[in-house]
Amino acid sequence: MQNKTKSKFGKFRMRWNPFTIIAVVLLLIYSLSLVFALSWALISSFKSRFDFREHLFALPSKWHFDNYVKAFKELYIGVETSYGSRFVYMPELLFNTLVYSLGSTFFSVMSPCLTAYVVAKYNFKGRSVLYGIVIVTMLLPIVGSLPSSMILMKAIGFYDNIIGIWITKGSFLGMNFLIFYACFKSFSWDYAEAAFIDGASNFRVMMQVNLPLARTTIFAMALLSFVGYWNEYETQLIFLPSMPSLAYGLFQFQFSVSTVASSITIQLAGCMIVAVPIFILYMIFKNMLIGNIAVGGIKG
């Protein structure tokens, strides 16, 4: 006999069977491993170098809160500019990361969102071609494309240019397109037809009817993209050297010749500093990731 779990709405949400139990156990083990790793890193960031080496999994014998002060001071990057070399410290790294993440998130989410909306809701020549291009490009290998990308970026003036980098993120290719396509495909067109009868234009229907219905999906994709860009250092390392980010600073932090920065506990404190804004962002908006798309209002 299968056990069922009821939701707060009184509907059955899960059927307990051997496969479900195994899946839940595996997810629980995976979740606990993530929590353990994060907790271990947080606790270790308060240890001294000797305490970390001698008591790897124990609580700190003395809590060194000054590790975060040292990490804040030591986390900086040297960059070369047309005016010479200079150091970029934590406040500027934080600002660079925020600017890069916000702009890249906007372009990388809205481009596939708008493209998927048009492909899902309108019949036009080339509609199937666009969908096919997305699938084909996801299957094609991209190994060896970095040199050509570098040459192209320099040729069109996008290299070491934050606006150019934002524009390059505005591609409709990839998994985001498929997610938005499935989202818009599930919406009834009756809402749009009602708006057309009231005199709304196609643009107004998109902005005031369909995009608000997809706000949960849009926000979820935006938040996930923002986290990815916040933790990214490859772009700054290769295409945006004059605007280093926190992740890039942390990447270089481990190779620092400074005696203070070479301590693993100071490096862990730096990791925690980089992770704190993302953790706060998630705690504030976590409920918006689980919302349901509003349906109803059409009776037939």
Protein backbone atom coordinates (compact mmCIF):
# COMPACT_ATOMS: atom_id res chain seq x y z
CA MET A 1 0.00 0.00 0.00
CA GLN A 2 1.43 3.34 -1.00
CA ASN A 3 1.63 6.18 1.49
CA LYS A 4 0.71 9.64 0.34
CA THR A 5 1.67 13.04 1.64
CA LYS A 6 -0.85 15.85 1.51
CA SER A 7 0.01 19.46 0.79
CA LYS A 8 -1.47 22.38 2.69
CA PHE A 9 -4.04 22.68 -0.12
CA GLY A 10 -5.31 19.16 0.57
CA LYS A 11 -4.00 17.69 -2.70
CA PHE A 12 -1.78 14.65 -2.88
CA ARG A 13 1.73 15.68 -3.89
CA MET A 14 3.85 12.58 -3.45
CA ARG A 15 3.42 8.82 -3.70
CA TRP A 16 5.86 7.00 -1.46
CA ASN A 17 7.32 4.02 -3.30
CA PRO A 18 10.81 2.47 -3.33
CA PHE A 19 11.99 4.74 -6.14
CA THR A 20 10.73 7.87 -4.34
CA ILE A 21 12.36 6.81 -1.06
CA ILE A 22 15.71 6.20 -2.77
CA ALA A 23 15.51 9.56 -4.53
CA VAL A 24 14.68 11.37 -1.29
CA VAL A 25 17.53 9.64 0.56
CA LEU A 26 20.02 10.55 -2.18
CA LEU A 27 18.85 14.17 -2.22
CA LEU A 28 19.09 14.28 1.56
CA ILE A 29 22.65 12.94 1.49
CA TYR A 30 23.58 15.45 -1.20
CA SER A 31 22.02 18.33 0.76
CA LEU A 32 23.78 17.32 3.96
CA SER A 33 27.11 17.14 2.14
CA LEU A 34 26.64 20.72 0.92
CA VAL A 35 25.66 21.94 4.39
CA PHE A 36 28.64 20.14 5.93
CA ALA A 37 31.10 21.65 3.45
CA LEU A 38 29.74 25.16 4.00
CA SER A 39 29.68 24.77 7.79
CA TRP A 40 33.21 23.37 7.82
CA ALA A 41 34.50 26.27 5.70
CA LEU A 42 32.75 28.81 7.93
CA ILE A 43 34.11 27.32 11.16
CA SER A 44 37.61 26.87 9.71
CA SER A 45 37.68 30.52 8.63
CA PHE A 46 37.86 31.48 12.33
CA LYS A 47 40.86 29.25 13.10
CA SER A 48 44.54 30.07 13.21
CA ARG A 49 46.85 28.40 10.72
CA PHE A 50 48.23 26.06 13.39
CA ASP A 51 44.78 25.24 14.77
CA PHE A 52 43.53 24.41 11.28
CA ARG A 53 46.46 22.10 10.62
CA GLU A 54 46.27 20.28 13.96
CA HIS A 55 42.48 20.13 14.46
CA LEU A 56 40.98 19.93 10.99
CA PHE A 57 37.38 19.13 11.97
CA ALA A 58 37.23 20.51 15.51
CA LEU A 59 35.87 23.83 16.68
CA PRO A 60 38.43 26.64 16.93
CA SER A 61 40.37 26.66 20.17
CA LYS A 62 40.29 30.44 19.80
CA TRP A 63 37.95 32.30 17.47
CA HIS A 64 40.01 34.57 15.21
CA PHE A 65 37.49 37.11 13.93
CA ASP A 66 40.39 39.18 12.70
CA ASN A 67 40.80 36.66 9.85
CA TYR A 68 38.01 38.52 8.04
CA VAL A 69 39.73 41.86 8.57
CA LYS A 70 42.95 40.42 7.16
CA ALA A 71 41.12 38.87 4.22
CA PHE A 72 39.36 42.17 3.51
CA LYS A 73 42.71 44.01 3.43
CA GLU A 74 44.63 41.36 1.50
CA LEU A 75 41.99 40.67 -1.15
CA TYR A 76 43.10 43.00 -3.93
CA ILE A 77 44.21 42.75 -7.54
CA GLY A 78 46.93 44.52 -9.46
CA VAL A 79 45.78 45.66 -12.93
CA GLU A 80 47.49 47.34 -15.83
CA THR A 81 45.88 50.43 -17.35
CA SER A 82 46.88 53.00 -19.93
CA TYR A 83 48.01 55.17 -17.00
CA GLY A 84 50.15 52.45 -15.46
CA SER A 85 49.55 49.75 -12.86
CA ARG A 86 47.27 50.12 -9.86
CA PHE A 87 45.65 48.03 -7.15
CA VAL A 88 41.93 47.28 -6.98
CA TYR A 89 40.74 46.69 -3.41
CA MET A 90 37.65 45.08 -1.94
CA PRO A 91 35.12 47.97 -2.31
CA GLU A 92 35.92 48.38 -6.00
CA LEU A 93 35.93 44.62 -6.53
CA LEU A 94 32.47 44.50 -4.99
CA PHE A 95 31.24 47.34 -7.21
CA ASN A 96 32.73 45.73 -10.34
CA THR A 97 31.09 42.42 -9.50
CA LEU A 98 27.71 44.04 -8.95
CA VAL A 99 27.83 46.00 -12.21
CA TYR A 100 28.99 43.00 -14.22
CA SER A 101 26.46 40.61 -12.64
CA LEU A 102 23.44 42.91 -12.98
CA GLY A 103 24.11 43.86 -16.61
CA SER A 104 25.00 40.34 -17.70
CA THR A 105 21.93 38.92 -15.95
CA PHE A 106 19.59 41.38 -17.67
CA PHE A 107 20.90 40.63 -21.16
CA SER A 108 21.28 36.86 -20.68
CA VAL A 109 17.73 36.47 -19.34
CA MET A 110 15.71 38.95 -21.39
CA SER A 111 17.17 37.94 -24.74
CA PRO A 112 16.05 34.28 -24.62
CA CYS A 113 12.85 35.32 -22.81
CA LEU A 114 11.69 37.68 -25.56
CA THR A 115 12.85 35.37 -28.34
CA ALA A 116 11.09 32.39 -26.79
CA TYR A 117 7.90 34.43 -26.38
CA VAL A 118 7.80 35.32 -30.08
CA VAL A 119 8.60 31.76 -31.18
CA ALA A 120 6.04 30.24 -28.80
CA LYS A 121 3.15 32.62 -29.46
CA TYR A 122 3.41 33.72 -33.12
CA ASN A 123 3.38 31.82 -36.38
CA PHE A 124 5.89 33.19 -38.88
CA LYS A 125 8.32 31.92 -41.46
CA GLY A 126 11.53 30.72 -39.89
CA ARG A 127 9.93 29.90 -36.54
CA SER A 128 10.98 26.26 -36.68
CA VAL A 129 14.41 27.31 -37.94
CA LEU A 130 15.05 29.40 -34.82
CA TYR A 131 14.04 26.53 -32.58
CA GLY A 132 16.25 24.16 -34.56
CA ILE A 133 19.22 26.52 -34.30
CA VAL A 134 18.93 26.47 -30.52
CA ILE A 135 18.94 22.67 -30.42
CA VAL A 136 21.82 22.33 -32.89
CA THR A 137 24.04 24.87 -31.13
CA MET A 138 23.52 23.03 -27.83
CA LEU A 139 24.87 19.86 -29.45
CA LEU A 140 27.82 21.39 -31.29
CA PRO A 141 31.18 21.26 -29.47
CA ILE A 142 32.70 24.65 -28.62
CA VAL A 143 36.21 23.44 -27.80
CA GLY A 144 38.82 25.70 -29.38
CA SER A 145 36.54 28.72 -29.82
CA LEU A 146 38.39 30.92 -27.30
CA PRO A 147 41.11 32.26 -29.68
CA SER A 148 38.54 33.19 -32.34
CA SER A 149 36.34 34.80 -29.67
CA MET A 150 39.28 36.88 -28.48
CA ILE A 151 40.09 38.05 -32.01
CA LEU A 152 36.45 38.92 -32.70
CA MET A 153 36.04 40.80 -29.41
CA LYS A 154 39.10 42.93 -30.12
CA ALA A 155 38.04 43.55 -33.72
CA ILE A 156 34.61 44.91 -32.81
CA GLY A 157 35.82 46.84 -29.74
CA PHE A 158 34.16 44.64 -27.12
CA TYR A 159 37.40 43.50 -25.48
CA ASP A 160 37.87 45.01 -22.02
CA ASN A 161 34.60 46.89 -22.48
CA ILE A 162 31.85 46.23 -19.93
CA ILE A 163 29.04 47.29 -22.29
CA GLY A 164 30.45 45.03 -25.00
CA ILE A 165 30.63 42.15 -22.53
CA TRP A 166 26.99 42.74 -21.59
CA ILE A 167 25.96 42.63 -25.24
CA THR A 168 27.75 39.33 -25.78
CA LYS A 169 25.65 37.84 -22.99
CA GLY A 170 22.48 38.72 -24.91
CA SER A 171 22.18 35.45 -26.80
CA PHE A 172 18.96 33.48 -27.11
CA LEU A 173 20.86 30.21 -27.56
CA GLY A 174 20.98 27.70 -24.75
CA MET A 175 18.82 26.10 -22.09
CA ASN A 176 17.22 29.38 -21.00
CA PHE A 177 15.43 29.60 -24.34
CA LEU A 178 13.94 26.12 -23.93
CA ILE A 179 12.76 26.89 -20.39
CA PHE A 180 11.07 30.13 -21.45
CA TYR A 181 9.64 28.49 -24.56
CA ALA A 182 7.98 25.79 -22.46
CA CYS A 183 6.73 28.43 -20.04
CA PHE A 184 5.08 30.63 -22.69
CA LYS A 185 3.79 27.64 -24.61
CA SER A 186 1.79 26.59 -21.55
CA PHE A 187 -0.07 29.94 -21.36
CA SER A 188 -3.51 30.22 -22.88
CA TRP A 189 -3.80 32.75 -25.70
CA ASP A 190 -7.28 33.70 -24.47
CA TYR A 191 -5.78 36.34 -22.19
CA ALA A 192 -4.08 37.98 -25.16
CA GLU A 193 -7.22 37.83 -27.30
CA ALA A 194 -9.19 39.56 -24.55
CA ALA A 195 -6.56 42.30 -24.45
CA PHE A 196 -6.62 42.64 -28.27
CA ILE A 197 -10.39 43.15 -28.13
CA ASP A 198 -9.79 46.02 -25.70
CA GLY A 199 -7.41 47.61 -28.20
CA ALA A 200 -4.05 46.49 -26.82
CA SER A 201 -1.09 46.21 -29.17
CA ASN A 202 1.18 43.18 -29.46
CA PHE A 203 3.85 44.94 -27.41
CA ARG A 204 1.38 45.84 -24.67
CA VAL A 205 0.03 42.28 -24.56
CA MET A 206 3.56 41.00 -24.13
CA MET A 207 4.52 43.52 -21.43
CA GLN A 208 1.28 43.63 -19.45
CA VAL A 209 -0.20 40.15 -19.94
CA ASN A 210 2.28 37.41 -20.74
CA LEU A 211 5.48 38.62 -19.10
CA PRO A 212 3.71 39.20 -15.75
CA LEU A 213 2.39 35.63 -15.96
CA ALA A 214 5.96 34.43 -16.42
CA ARG A 215 7.41 36.59 -13.65
CA THR A 216 8.17 33.60 -11.42
CA THR A 217 10.14 31.88 -14.15
CA ILE A 218 11.87 35.11 -15.15
CA PHE A 219 12.88 35.88 -11.60
CA ALA A 220 14.11 32.34 -10.97
CA MET A 221 16.25 32.38 -14.10
CA ALA A 222 17.53 35.85 -13.27
CA LEU A 223 18.54 34.86 -9.75
CA LEU A 224 20.31 31.71 -10.93
CA SER A 225 22.10 33.68 -13.66
CA PHE A 226 23.09 36.39 -11.18
CA VAL A 227 24.65 33.81 -8.85
CA GLY A 228 26.56 32.32 -11.78
CA TYR A 229 27.93 35.68 -12.89
CA TRP A 230 28.74 36.66 -9.31
CA ASN A 231 30.96 33.59 -8.97
CA GLU A 232 32.51 33.89 -12.44
CA TYR A 233 36.14 34.83 -12.87
CA GLU A 234 36.95 33.53 -16.37
CA THR A 235 35.49 36.55 -18.17
CA GLN A 236 37.51 38.99 -16.06
CA LEU A 237 40.62 36.88 -16.50
CA ILE A 238 40.33 36.73 -20.30
CA PHE A 239 38.05 39.46 -21.66
CA LEU A 240 37.78 42.11 -18.92
CA PRO A 241 41.18 42.45 -17.23
CA SER A 242 40.80 46.11 -16.20
CA MET A 243 37.58 45.42 -14.25
CA PRO A 244 38.37 42.51 -11.88
CA SER A 245 35.60 40.99 -9.80
CA LEU A 246 35.46 39.45 -6.34
CA ALA A 247 35.63 35.92 -7.76
CA TYR A 248 38.68 36.86 -9.83
CA GLY A 249 40.26 38.46 -6.79
CA LEU A 250 39.62 35.31 -4.79
CA PHE A 251 41.09 33.22 -7.61
CA GLN A 252 44.28 35.29 -7.52
CA PHE A 253 44.20 35.37 -3.72
CA GLN A 254 45.35 31.76 -3.51
CA PHE A 255 48.50 32.58 -5.49
CA SER A 256 49.41 35.62 -3.40
CA VAL A 257 53.01 35.84 -2.19
CA SER A 258 51.83 37.49 1.00
CA THR A 259 52.38 35.40 4.12
CA VAL A 260 48.98 36.41 5.45
CA ALA A 261 47.11 35.57 2.25
CA SER A 262 48.87 32.21 1.93
CA SER A 263 47.05 30.97 5.06
CA ILE A 264 44.21 28.62 4.15
CA THR A 265 42.07 30.06 6.95
CA ILE A 266 42.42 33.58 5.52
CA GLN A 267 41.50 32.23 2.10
CA LEU A 268 38.41 30.55 3.57
CA ALA A 269 37.48 33.85 5.20
CA GLY A 270 37.75 35.46 1.76
CA CYS A 271 35.43 32.76 0.35
CA MET A 272 32.89 33.54 3.06
CA ILE A 273 33.07 37.27 2.29
CA VAL A 274 32.31 36.55 -1.37
CA ALA A 275 29.48 34.14 -0.47
CA VAL A 276 27.69 36.34 2.09
CA PRO A 277 25.94 38.68 -0.43
CA ILE A 278 24.60 35.71 -2.38
CA PHE A 279 23.38 34.04 0.80
CA ILE A 280 21.57 37.21 1.88
CA LEU A 281 20.05 37.58 -1.60
CA TYR A 282 18.75 34.03 -1.50
CA MET A 283 17.27 34.39 1.99
CA ILE A 284 15.41 37.54 0.91
CA PHE A 285 13.98 36.18 -2.34
CA LYS A 286 13.77 32.42 -1.70
CA ASN A 287 9.96 32.48 -1.51
CA MET A 288 9.73 34.03 -4.97
CA LEU A 289 11.51 31.01 -6.44
CA ILE A 290 8.80 28.64 -5.33
CA GLY A 291 5.73 30.63 -6.39
CA ASN A 292 3.15 29.23 -8.74
CA ILE A 293 2.21 30.89 -12.00
CA ALA A 294 -1.26 32.35 -11.64
CA VAL A 295 -3.81 30.42 -13.62
CA GLY A 296 -7.53 30.60 -13.70
CA GLY A 297 -9.79 33.43 -14.64
CA ILE A 298 -10.88 31.65 -17.81
CA LYS A 299 -13.94 29.54 -17.41
CA GLY A 300 -15.27 27.39 -20.15
